[in-house]
């Protein structure tokens, strides 16, 4: 995940809930304003717990929302004997045929 801006803010009380103020310049950079719907996700990585806040609109969603997992981590403990191979799909048809 590439960082564009970092700011420090404070958790405030808002009735029986808690609120975080988002600086206006950050809202402008994200293209959001008062009343925008946001999604919140909680996660945990090697640095501890974190909260990800992102605009709900689909154009703001990205693959970066998914935590990075290296190939080594993904296949840690795998002991199978998989050997890659090619499938025979049959004869070429139509535009697949090369004269």
N, C-alpha and C. Protein backbone atom coordinates (compact mmCIF):
# COMPACT_ATOMS: atom_id res chain seq x y z
N UNK A 1 0.86 -1.16 0.00
CA UNK A 1 0.00 0.00 0.00
C UNK A 1 0.90 1.22 0.00
N UNK A 2 0.70 2.12 -0.94
CA UNK A 2 1.48 3.35 -0.96
C UNK A 2 0.75 4.43 -0.17
N UNK A 3 1.50 5.18 0.59
CA UNK A 3 0.91 6.23 1.41
C UNK A 3 1.03 7.55 0.68
N UNK A 4 -0.06 8.29 0.69
CA UNK A 4 -0.07 9.60 0.06
C UNK A 4 0.02 10.68 1.12
N UNK A 5 -0.65 10.47 2.24
CA UNK A 5 -0.65 11.46 3.31
C UNK A 5 -0.87 10.76 4.64
N UNK A 6 -0.22 11.25 5.67
CA UNK A 6 -0.41 10.77 7.03
C UNK A 6 -0.80 11.95 7.90
N UNK A 7 -1.76 11.77 8.74
CA UNK A 7 -2.18 12.80 9.69
C UNK A 7 -2.45 12.13 11.02
N UNK A 8 -2.30 12.88 12.09
CA UNK A 8 -2.66 12.41 13.42
C UNK A 8 -3.95 13.11 13.80
N UNK A 9 -4.91 12.36 14.30
CA UNK A 9 -6.19 12.92 14.72
C UNK A 9 -6.53 12.35 16.08
N UNK A 10 -7.65 12.73 16.62
CA UNK A 10 -8.01 12.32 17.98
C UNK A 10 -9.38 11.66 17.96
N UNK A 11 -9.54 10.62 18.77
CA UNK A 11 -10.82 9.97 18.95
C UNK A 11 -11.66 10.81 19.91
N UNK A 12 -12.86 11.18 19.48
CA UNK A 12 -13.74 12.04 20.28
C UNK A 12 -15.03 11.30 20.61
N UNK A 13 -15.74 11.79 21.62
CA UNK A 13 -17.05 11.24 21.97
C UNK A 13 -18.10 11.92 21.10
N UNK A 14 -19.08 11.13 20.64
CA UNK A 14 -20.21 11.66 19.89
C UNK A 14 -21.43 10.89 20.36
N UNK A 15 -22.11 11.41 21.35
CA UNK A 15 -23.19 10.67 22.01
C UNK A 15 -22.58 9.47 22.72
N UNK A 16 -23.13 8.29 22.46
CA UNK A 16 -22.57 7.07 23.06
C UNK A 16 -21.57 6.40 22.11
N UNK A 17 -21.34 7.02 20.94
CA UNK A 17 -20.38 6.48 19.97
C UNK A 17 -19.07 7.24 20.07
N UNK A 18 -18.15 6.90 19.22
CA UNK A 18 -16.87 7.59 19.11
C UNK A 18 -16.74 8.12 17.69
N UNK A 19 -16.00 9.20 17.51
CA UNK A 19 -15.86 9.81 16.20
C UNK A 19 -14.40 10.19 15.96
N UNK A 20 -14.01 10.16 14.70
CA UNK A 20 -12.69 10.60 14.28
C UNK A 20 -12.90 11.73 13.28
N UNK A 21 -12.25 12.84 13.50
CA UNK A 21 -12.34 13.96 12.56
C UNK A 21 -11.38 13.71 11.41
N UNK A 22 -11.89 13.85 10.21
CA UNK A 22 -11.06 13.69 9.01
C UNK A 22 -10.80 15.08 8.46
N UNK A 23 -9.52 15.50 8.37
CA UNK A 23 -9.21 16.84 7.89
C UNK A 23 -9.78 17.10 6.49
N UNK A 24 -10.21 18.34 6.26
CA UNK A 24 -10.84 18.73 5.00
C UNK A 24 -9.95 18.43 3.80
N UNK A 25 -8.65 18.69 3.91
CA UNK A 25 -7.77 18.45 2.76
C UNK A 25 -7.72 16.97 2.39
N UNK A 26 -7.83 16.08 3.37
CA UNK A 26 -7.85 14.65 3.07
C UNK A 26 -9.17 14.28 2.39
N UNK A 27 -10.28 14.85 2.85
CA UNK A 27 -11.58 14.60 2.21
C UNK A 27 -11.54 15.06 0.75
N UNK A 28 -10.97 16.22 0.51
CA UNK A 28 -10.88 16.74 -0.85
C UNK A 28 -10.05 15.83 -1.73
N UNK A 29 -8.95 15.32 -1.20
CA UNK A 29 -8.10 14.41 -1.98
C UNK A 29 -8.83 13.12 -2.32
N UNK A 30 -9.72 12.68 -1.43
CA UNK A 30 -10.49 11.45 -1.64
C UNK A 30 -11.76 11.69 -2.45
N UNK A 31 -12.13 12.95 -2.65
CA UNK A 31 -13.34 13.26 -3.38
C UNK A 31 -14.60 12.97 -2.59
N UNK A 32 -14.53 13.15 -1.26
CA UNK A 32 -15.70 12.92 -0.41
C UNK A 32 -16.02 14.19 0.35
N UNK A 33 -17.25 14.27 0.85
CA UNK A 33 -17.68 15.44 1.61
C UNK A 33 -18.61 14.98 2.72
N UNK A 34 -19.09 15.92 3.50
CA UNK A 34 -20.00 15.61 4.61
C UNK A 34 -21.17 14.80 4.07
N UNK A 35 -21.51 13.73 4.74
CA UNK A 35 -22.62 12.87 4.33
C UNK A 35 -22.19 11.67 3.52
N UNK A 36 -20.91 11.63 3.09
CA UNK A 36 -20.44 10.47 2.32
C UNK A 36 -20.51 9.21 3.18
N UNK A 37 -20.91 8.12 2.55
CA UNK A 37 -20.96 6.83 3.26
C UNK A 37 -19.57 6.21 3.19
N UNK A 38 -19.10 5.71 4.33
CA UNK A 38 -17.77 5.12 4.43
C UNK A 38 -17.90 3.69 4.94
N UNK A 39 -17.00 2.82 4.49
CA UNK A 39 -16.93 1.48 5.05
C UNK A 39 -15.75 1.43 6.00
N UNK A 40 -15.88 0.67 7.08
CA UNK A 40 -14.79 0.52 8.04
C UNK A 40 -14.49 -0.97 8.17
N UNK A 41 -13.21 -1.30 8.15
CA UNK A 41 -12.77 -2.67 8.31
C UNK A 41 -11.69 -2.70 9.38
N UNK A 42 -11.70 -3.73 10.19
CA UNK A 42 -10.65 -3.92 11.18
C UNK A 42 -9.72 -5.01 10.69
N UNK A 43 -8.44 -4.84 10.93
CA UNK A 43 -7.45 -5.82 10.52
C UNK A 43 -6.34 -5.92 11.53
N UNK A 44 -5.42 -6.81 11.26
CA UNK A 44 -4.27 -7.01 12.14
C UNK A 44 -3.10 -7.43 11.27
N UNK A 45 -1.97 -6.80 11.46
CA UNK A 45 -0.75 -7.20 10.77
C UNK A 45 0.40 -7.21 11.76
N UNK A 46 1.63 -7.26 11.25
CA UNK A 46 2.79 -7.38 12.13
C UNK A 46 2.97 -6.17 13.04
N UNK A 47 2.35 -5.04 12.70
CA UNK A 47 2.45 -3.84 13.53
C UNK A 47 1.31 -3.71 14.52
N UNK A 48 0.33 -4.61 14.47
CA UNK A 48 -0.79 -4.57 15.40
C UNK A 48 -2.12 -4.38 14.70
N UNK A 49 -3.13 -4.03 15.49
CA UNK A 49 -4.48 -3.85 14.94
C UNK A 49 -4.58 -2.50 14.23
N UNK A 50 -5.44 -2.46 13.20
CA UNK A 50 -5.65 -1.21 12.48
C UNK A 50 -7.08 -1.14 11.98
N UNK A 51 -7.49 0.07 11.62
CA UNK A 51 -8.81 0.32 11.05
C UNK A 51 -8.62 0.95 9.68
N UNK A 52 -9.32 0.42 8.69
CA UNK A 52 -9.27 0.95 7.33
C UNK A 52 -10.61 1.61 7.05
N UNK A 53 -10.59 2.87 6.68
CA UNK A 53 -11.81 3.60 6.36
C UNK A 53 -11.72 3.98 4.89
N UNK A 54 -12.77 3.63 4.14
CA UNK A 54 -12.75 3.86 2.70
C UNK A 54 -14.14 4.29 2.25
N UNK A 55 -14.23 5.21 1.28
CA UNK A 55 -15.55 5.57 0.75
C UNK A 55 -16.27 4.33 0.23
N UNK A 56 -17.59 4.29 0.41
CA UNK A 56 -18.37 3.12 0.03
C UNK A 56 -18.49 2.96 -1.49
N UNK A 57 -18.42 4.03 -2.24
CA UNK A 57 -18.59 3.95 -3.68
C UNK A 57 -17.60 2.97 -4.30
N UNK A 58 -18.07 2.21 -5.28
CA UNK A 58 -17.27 1.15 -5.90
C UNK A 58 -15.96 1.66 -6.49
N UNK A 59 -15.95 2.89 -7.03
CA UNK A 59 -14.73 3.37 -7.67
C UNK A 59 -13.60 3.60 -6.68
N UNK A 60 -13.91 3.61 -5.38
CA UNK A 60 -12.87 3.79 -4.37
C UNK A 60 -12.34 2.46 -3.84
N UNK A 61 -12.97 1.36 -4.21
CA UNK A 61 -12.51 0.06 -3.73
C UNK A 61 -11.32 -0.39 -4.56
N UNK A 62 -10.42 -1.11 -3.94
CA UNK A 62 -9.23 -1.55 -4.65
C UNK A 62 -8.74 -2.87 -4.11
N UNK A 63 -7.93 -3.55 -4.91
CA UNK A 63 -7.34 -4.81 -4.47
C UNK A 63 -6.47 -4.61 -3.25
N UNK A 64 -6.02 -3.38 -3.02
CA UNK A 64 -5.14 -3.12 -1.87
C UNK A 64 -5.86 -3.29 -0.54
N UNK A 65 -7.21 -3.39 -0.57
CA UNK A 65 -7.95 -3.60 0.67
C UNK A 65 -7.68 -4.98 1.25
N UNK A 66 -7.21 -5.89 0.42
CA UNK A 66 -6.94 -7.25 0.85
C UNK A 66 -5.51 -7.29 1.38
N UNK A 67 -5.29 -7.79 2.59
CA UNK A 67 -3.93 -7.83 3.13
C UNK A 67 -2.99 -8.63 2.22
N UNK A 68 -1.76 -8.15 2.07
CA UNK A 68 -0.77 -8.82 1.24
C UNK A 68 -0.33 -10.13 1.88
N UNK A 69 -0.29 -11.18 1.09
CA UNK A 69 0.21 -12.48 1.54
C UNK A 69 1.23 -12.92 0.50
N UNK A 70 2.46 -13.18 0.93
CA UNK A 70 3.51 -13.59 0.01
C UNK A 70 3.26 -15.03 -0.43
N UNK A 71 3.89 -15.43 -1.53
CA UNK A 71 3.76 -16.81 -2.00
C UNK A 71 4.29 -17.78 -0.95
N UNK A 72 5.36 -17.41 -0.27
CA UNK A 72 5.91 -18.28 0.78
C UNK A 72 4.90 -18.49 1.90
N UNK A 73 4.22 -17.40 2.31
CA UNK A 73 3.20 -17.52 3.35
C UNK A 73 2.00 -18.33 2.86
N UNK A 74 1.61 -18.10 1.62
CA UNK A 74 0.45 -18.78 1.06
C UNK A 74 0.64 -20.29 1.01
N UNK A 75 1.84 -20.73 0.67
CA UNK A 75 2.10 -22.15 0.53
C UNK A 75 2.90 -22.74 1.69
N UNK A 76 3.03 -22.01 2.78
CA UNK A 76 3.75 -22.53 3.95
C UNK A 76 3.09 -23.82 4.42
N UNK A 77 3.88 -24.84 4.60
CA UNK A 77 3.37 -26.12 5.08
C UNK A 77 2.83 -27.02 3.99
N UNK A 78 2.78 -26.55 2.73
CA UNK A 78 2.28 -27.39 1.64
C UNK A 78 3.27 -28.51 1.36
N UNK A 79 2.80 -29.73 1.36
CA UNK A 79 3.69 -30.88 1.15
C UNK A 79 3.25 -31.73 -0.03
N UNK A 80 2.31 -31.24 -0.82
CA UNK A 80 1.80 -32.00 -1.97
C UNK A 80 2.86 -32.21 -3.04
N UNK A 81 2.55 -33.07 -3.98
CA UNK A 81 3.50 -33.39 -5.05
C UNK A 81 2.95 -32.95 -6.40
N UNK A 82 2.28 -31.82 -6.45
CA UNK A 82 1.68 -31.31 -7.68
C UNK A 82 2.75 -31.10 -8.74
N UNK A 83 2.48 -31.61 -9.93
CA UNK A 83 3.34 -31.40 -11.08
C UNK A 83 2.51 -30.71 -12.16
N UNK A 84 2.88 -29.50 -12.56
CA UNK A 84 2.09 -28.82 -13.59
C UNK A 84 2.17 -29.56 -14.91
N UNK A 85 1.12 -29.47 -15.69
CA UNK A 85 1.08 -30.11 -16.99
C UNK A 85 0.13 -29.37 -17.91
N UNK A 86 0.05 -29.83 -19.15
CA UNK A 86 -0.85 -29.20 -20.12
C UNK A 86 -2.09 -30.05 -20.29
N UNK A 87 -3.21 -29.40 -20.56
CA UNK A 87 -4.46 -30.09 -20.83
C UNK A 87 -4.64 -30.23 -22.33
N UNK A 88 -5.20 -31.33 -22.77
CA UNK A 88 -5.54 -31.51 -24.17
C UNK A 88 -6.97 -31.03 -24.36
N UNK A 89 -7.14 -29.91 -25.02
CA UNK A 89 -8.46 -29.33 -25.24
C UNK A 89 -9.10 -29.84 -26.52
N UNK A 90 -8.45 -30.73 -27.23
CA UNK A 90 -8.99 -31.24 -28.49
C UNK A 90 -8.45 -30.46 -29.67
N UNK A 91 -9.04 -30.72 -30.84
CA UNK A 91 -8.58 -30.08 -32.07
C UNK A 91 -8.94 -28.60 -32.08
N UNK A 92 -8.11 -27.80 -32.77
CA UNK A 92 -8.40 -26.39 -32.96
C UNK A 92 -9.64 -26.23 -33.82
N UNK A 93 -10.45 -25.23 -33.51
CA UNK A 93 -11.68 -24.97 -34.25
C UNK A 93 -11.74 -23.51 -34.68
N UNK A 94 -12.40 -23.24 -35.80
CA UNK A 94 -12.65 -21.87 -36.24
C UNK A 94 -11.39 -21.05 -36.37
N UNK A 95 -11.38 -19.86 -35.74
CA UNK A 95 -10.26 -18.93 -35.85
C UNK A 95 -9.00 -19.45 -35.16
N UNK A 96 -9.13 -20.53 -34.37
CA UNK A 96 -7.95 -21.10 -33.72
C UNK A 96 -7.05 -21.83 -34.71
N UNK A 97 -7.63 -22.25 -35.84
CA UNK A 97 -6.88 -23.02 -36.84
C UNK A 97 -5.90 -22.10 -37.55
N UNK A 98 -4.63 -22.48 -37.51
CA UNK A 98 -3.59 -21.73 -38.20
C UNK A 98 -3.21 -22.53 -39.44
N UNK A 99 -3.43 -21.94 -40.64
CA UNK A 99 -3.14 -22.70 -41.88
C UNK A 99 -1.66 -22.97 -42.07
